[in-house]
Amino acid sequence: MRGVFGVLSLMIVVAVIGLLAKKQVGALPGAGIASGTSVNGSVPVVNPQQQSQQLQKQVKQSVDDAMKQARPEVEDK
């Protein structure tokens, strides 16, 4: 009986997450970004592969910039 409730609970959680994901994906086209342009508007994005590569470059650049910043010194007490 416990197993049945466990499986039923998991199915309900998966259904709720699926509905939330569907709502989020449905909100993307109406977000005010013109299709065919990237978020920053500099380079047109033709397909998901190019968009993925551009996002990877942006993340890599952000990580590189963060790694270049000096860590604040912590005073030992």
N, C-alpha and C. Protein backbone atom coordinates (compact mmCIF):
# COMPACT_ATOMS: atom_id res chain seq x y z
N MET A 1 0.83 -1.20 0.00
CA MET A 1 0.00 0.00 0.00
C MET A 1 0.87 1.26 0.00
N ARG A 2 1.95 1.20 0.77
CA ARG A 2 2.85 2.34 0.83
C ARG A 2 3.50 2.59 -0.53
N GLY A 3 3.83 1.52 -1.22
CA GLY A 3 4.44 1.62 -2.54
C GLY A 3 3.50 2.26 -3.55
N VAL A 4 2.22 1.91 -3.46
CA VAL A 4 1.23 2.49 -4.37
C VAL A 4 1.13 4.00 -4.15
N PHE A 5 1.09 4.43 -2.90
CA PHE A 5 1.03 5.86 -2.61
C PHE A 5 2.30 6.57 -3.06
N GLY A 6 3.43 5.90 -2.91
CA GLY A 6 4.70 6.48 -3.35
C GLY A 6 4.72 6.69 -4.85
N VAL A 7 4.32 5.69 -5.61
CA VAL A 7 4.30 5.80 -7.06
C VAL A 7 3.27 6.84 -7.50
N LEU A 8 2.11 6.84 -6.86
CA LEU A 8 1.08 7.82 -7.19
C LEU A 8 1.56 9.24 -6.90
N SER A 9 2.25 9.42 -5.80
CA SER A 9 2.80 10.74 -5.46
C SER A 9 3.83 11.18 -6.48
N LEU A 10 4.69 10.28 -6.89
CA LEU A 10 5.69 10.61 -7.91
C LEU A 10 5.04 11.00 -9.23
N MET A 11 3.98 10.30 -9.61
CA MET A 11 3.28 10.62 -10.86
C MET A 11 2.65 12.01 -10.79
N ILE A 12 2.10 12.35 -9.63
CA ILE A 12 1.50 13.68 -9.46
C ILE A 12 2.57 14.75 -9.53
N VAL A 13 3.71 14.53 -8.90
CA VAL A 13 4.80 15.50 -8.94
C VAL A 13 5.30 15.68 -10.37
N VAL A 14 5.48 14.59 -11.10
CA VAL A 14 5.93 14.68 -12.49
C VAL A 14 4.91 15.43 -13.34
N ALA A 15 3.63 15.21 -13.11
CA ALA A 15 2.60 15.91 -13.87
C ALA A 15 2.64 17.41 -13.58
N VAL A 16 2.80 17.80 -12.32
CA VAL A 16 2.86 19.21 -11.96
C VAL A 16 4.09 19.86 -12.59
N ILE A 17 5.23 19.19 -12.52
CA ILE A 17 6.45 19.73 -13.12
C ILE A 17 6.28 19.85 -14.64
N GLY A 18 5.65 18.88 -15.25
CA GLY A 18 5.39 18.94 -16.69
C GLY A 18 4.51 20.11 -17.06
N LEU A 19 3.48 20.37 -16.27
CA LEU A 19 2.61 21.51 -16.54
C LEU A 19 3.35 22.83 -16.37
N LEU A 20 4.18 22.93 -15.34
CA LEU A 20 4.96 24.15 -15.14
C LEU A 20 5.96 24.36 -16.28
N ALA A 21 6.59 23.29 -16.73
CA ALA A 21 7.54 23.39 -17.83
C ALA A 21 6.82 23.81 -19.11
N LYS A 22 5.66 23.26 -19.33
CA LYS A 22 4.88 23.61 -20.53
C LYS A 22 4.49 25.09 -20.48
N LYS A 23 4.13 25.58 -19.30
CA LYS A 23 3.76 26.98 -19.16
C LYS A 23 4.97 27.88 -19.44
N GLN A 24 6.14 27.50 -18.93
CA GLN A 24 7.35 28.29 -19.14
C GLN A 24 7.74 28.31 -20.62
N VAL A 25 7.67 27.17 -21.28
CA VAL A 25 8.02 27.11 -22.70
C VAL A 25 7.01 27.91 -23.52
N GLY A 26 5.77 27.88 -23.13
CA GLY A 26 4.75 28.63 -23.84
C GLY A 26 4.91 30.13 -23.68
N ALA A 27 5.57 30.56 -22.59
CA ALA A 27 5.76 31.98 -22.34
C ALA A 27 6.92 32.54 -23.15
N LEU A 28 7.79 31.71 -23.70
CA LEU A 28 8.96 32.18 -24.42
C LEU A 28 8.63 33.02 -25.65
N PRO A 29 7.73 32.61 -26.55
CA PRO A 29 7.49 33.43 -27.74
C PRO A 29 6.91 34.81 -27.42
N GLY A 30 6.17 34.96 -26.36
CA GLY A 30 5.57 36.23 -26.01
C GLY A 30 6.44 37.07 -25.10
N ALA A 31 7.73 36.78 -25.02
CA ALA A 31 8.60 37.48 -24.09
C ALA A 31 9.07 38.83 -24.61
N GLY A 32 8.69 39.20 -25.82
CA GLY A 32 9.06 40.50 -26.35
C GLY A 32 10.37 40.51 -27.11
N ILE A 33 10.95 39.35 -27.35
CA ILE A 33 12.18 39.27 -28.11
C ILE A 33 11.80 38.89 -29.54
N ALA A 34 12.28 39.67 -30.49
CA ALA A 34 11.96 39.38 -31.88
C ALA A 34 12.60 38.07 -32.29
N SER A 35 11.87 37.26 -33.05
CA SER A 35 12.44 35.98 -33.47
C SER A 35 13.55 36.24 -34.47
N GLY A 36 14.57 35.41 -34.40
CA GLY A 36 15.71 35.56 -35.28
C GLY A 36 16.80 36.45 -34.73
N THR A 37 16.62 36.99 -33.52
CA THR A 37 17.68 37.78 -32.89
C THR A 37 18.01 37.17 -31.56
N SER A 38 19.22 37.40 -31.12
CA SER A 38 19.64 36.87 -29.83
C SER A 38 19.15 37.80 -28.73
N VAL A 39 19.41 37.41 -27.50
CA VAL A 39 18.96 38.18 -26.35
C VAL A 39 19.55 39.58 -26.36
N ASN A 40 20.85 39.69 -26.69
CA ASN A 40 21.45 41.01 -26.69
C ASN A 40 21.25 41.74 -28.01
N GLY A 41 20.65 41.09 -29.01
CA GLY A 41 20.30 41.75 -30.25
C GLY A 41 21.45 41.97 -31.20
N SER A 42 22.63 41.41 -30.92
CA SER A 42 23.79 41.70 -31.76
C SER A 42 23.92 40.72 -32.93
N VAL A 43 23.64 39.45 -32.71
CA VAL A 43 23.84 38.45 -33.74
C VAL A 43 22.55 37.68 -33.95
N PRO A 44 22.07 37.59 -35.19
CA PRO A 44 20.85 36.81 -35.41
C PRO A 44 21.10 35.32 -35.16
N VAL A 45 20.14 34.66 -34.56
CA VAL A 45 20.24 33.25 -34.26
C VAL A 45 19.31 32.51 -35.20
N VAL A 46 19.88 31.59 -35.97
CA VAL A 46 19.10 30.89 -36.97
C VAL A 46 18.53 29.59 -36.44
N ASN A 47 19.33 28.84 -35.71
CA ASN A 47 18.85 27.55 -35.23
C ASN A 47 19.29 27.32 -33.79
N PRO A 48 18.74 26.31 -33.15
CA PRO A 48 19.08 26.05 -31.74
C PRO A 48 20.55 25.72 -31.51
N GLN A 49 21.20 25.09 -32.49
CA GLN A 49 22.62 24.76 -32.32
C GLN A 49 23.45 26.03 -32.22
N GLN A 50 23.18 27.01 -33.07
CA GLN A 50 23.92 28.27 -33.01
C GLN A 50 23.61 29.01 -31.72
N GLN A 51 22.35 28.97 -31.30
CA GLN A 51 21.96 29.62 -30.05
C GLN A 51 22.68 28.97 -28.87
N SER A 52 22.78 27.64 -28.90
CA SER A 52 23.48 26.93 -27.83
C SER A 52 24.95 27.30 -27.81
N GLN A 53 25.57 27.38 -28.97
CA GLN A 53 26.99 27.74 -29.03
C GLN A 53 27.20 29.16 -28.53
N GLN A 54 26.31 30.07 -28.87
CA GLN A 54 26.43 31.45 -28.41
C GLN A 54 26.29 31.52 -26.90
N LEU A 55 25.35 30.78 -26.35
CA LEU A 55 25.16 30.76 -24.90
C LEU A 55 26.39 30.18 -24.21
N GLN A 56 26.98 29.13 -24.79
CA GLN A 56 28.18 28.55 -24.22
C GLN A 56 29.33 29.56 -24.20
N LYS A 57 29.45 30.33 -25.27
CA LYS A 57 30.50 31.35 -25.33
C LYS A 57 30.27 32.42 -24.27
N GLN A 58 29.01 32.83 -24.09
CA GLN A 58 28.70 33.84 -23.09
C GLN A 58 29.01 33.34 -21.69
N VAL A 59 28.67 32.10 -21.40
CA VAL A 59 28.94 31.53 -20.08
C VAL A 59 30.44 31.41 -19.86
N LYS A 60 31.16 30.94 -20.89
CA LYS A 60 32.62 30.81 -20.77
C LYS A 60 33.25 32.17 -20.52
N GLN A 61 32.78 33.20 -21.22
CA GLN A 61 33.31 34.54 -21.02
C GLN A 61 33.03 35.03 -19.61
N SER A 62 31.84 34.77 -19.10
CA SER A 62 31.50 35.18 -17.74
C SER A 62 32.37 34.48 -16.71
N VAL A 63 32.59 33.18 -16.91
CA VAL A 63 33.43 32.42 -15.98
C VAL A 63 34.86 32.93 -16.04
N ASP A 64 35.36 33.17 -17.25
CA ASP A 64 36.73 33.69 -17.39
C ASP A 64 36.87 35.04 -16.70
N ASP A 65 35.90 35.91 -16.88
CA ASP A 65 35.94 37.23 -16.23
C ASP A 65 35.92 37.08 -14.70
N ALA A 66 35.11 36.16 -14.21
CA ALA A 66 35.03 35.95 -12.76
C ALA A 66 36.34 35.39 -12.22
N MET A 67 36.99 34.53 -12.99
CA MET A 67 38.25 33.94 -12.54
C MET A 67 39.38 34.97 -12.52
N LYS A 68 39.28 36.00 -13.34
CA LYS A 68 40.32 37.03 -13.41
C LYS A 68 40.24 38.00 -12.23
N GLN A 69 39.08 38.10 -11.61
CA GLN A 69 38.92 39.02 -10.48
C GLN A 69 39.66 38.48 -9.27
N ALA A 70 40.30 39.38 -8.56
CA ALA A 70 41.03 38.98 -7.36
C ALA A 70 40.06 38.67 -6.22
N ARG A 71 40.42 37.66 -5.44
CA ARG A 71 39.61 37.33 -4.28
C ARG A 71 39.90 38.32 -3.18
N PRO A 72 38.88 38.70 -2.43
CA PRO A 72 39.13 39.62 -1.31
C PRO A 72 39.93 38.93 -0.21
N GLU A 73 40.82 39.67 0.38
CA GLU A 73 41.64 39.13 1.47
C GLU A 73 40.80 39.03 2.73
N VAL A 74 40.94 37.93 3.42
CA VAL A 74 40.21 37.70 4.66
C VAL A 74 41.22 37.84 5.80
N GLU A 75 40.89 38.70 6.73
CA GLU A 75 41.78 38.90 7.88
C GLU A 75 41.60 37.77 8.88
N ASP A 76 42.72 37.17 9.27
CA ASP A 76 42.67 36.12 10.29
C ASP A 76 42.55 36.75 11.66
N LYS A 77 41.70 36.21 12.49
CA LYS A 77 41.52 36.77 13.83
C LYS A 77 42.08 35.85 14.86
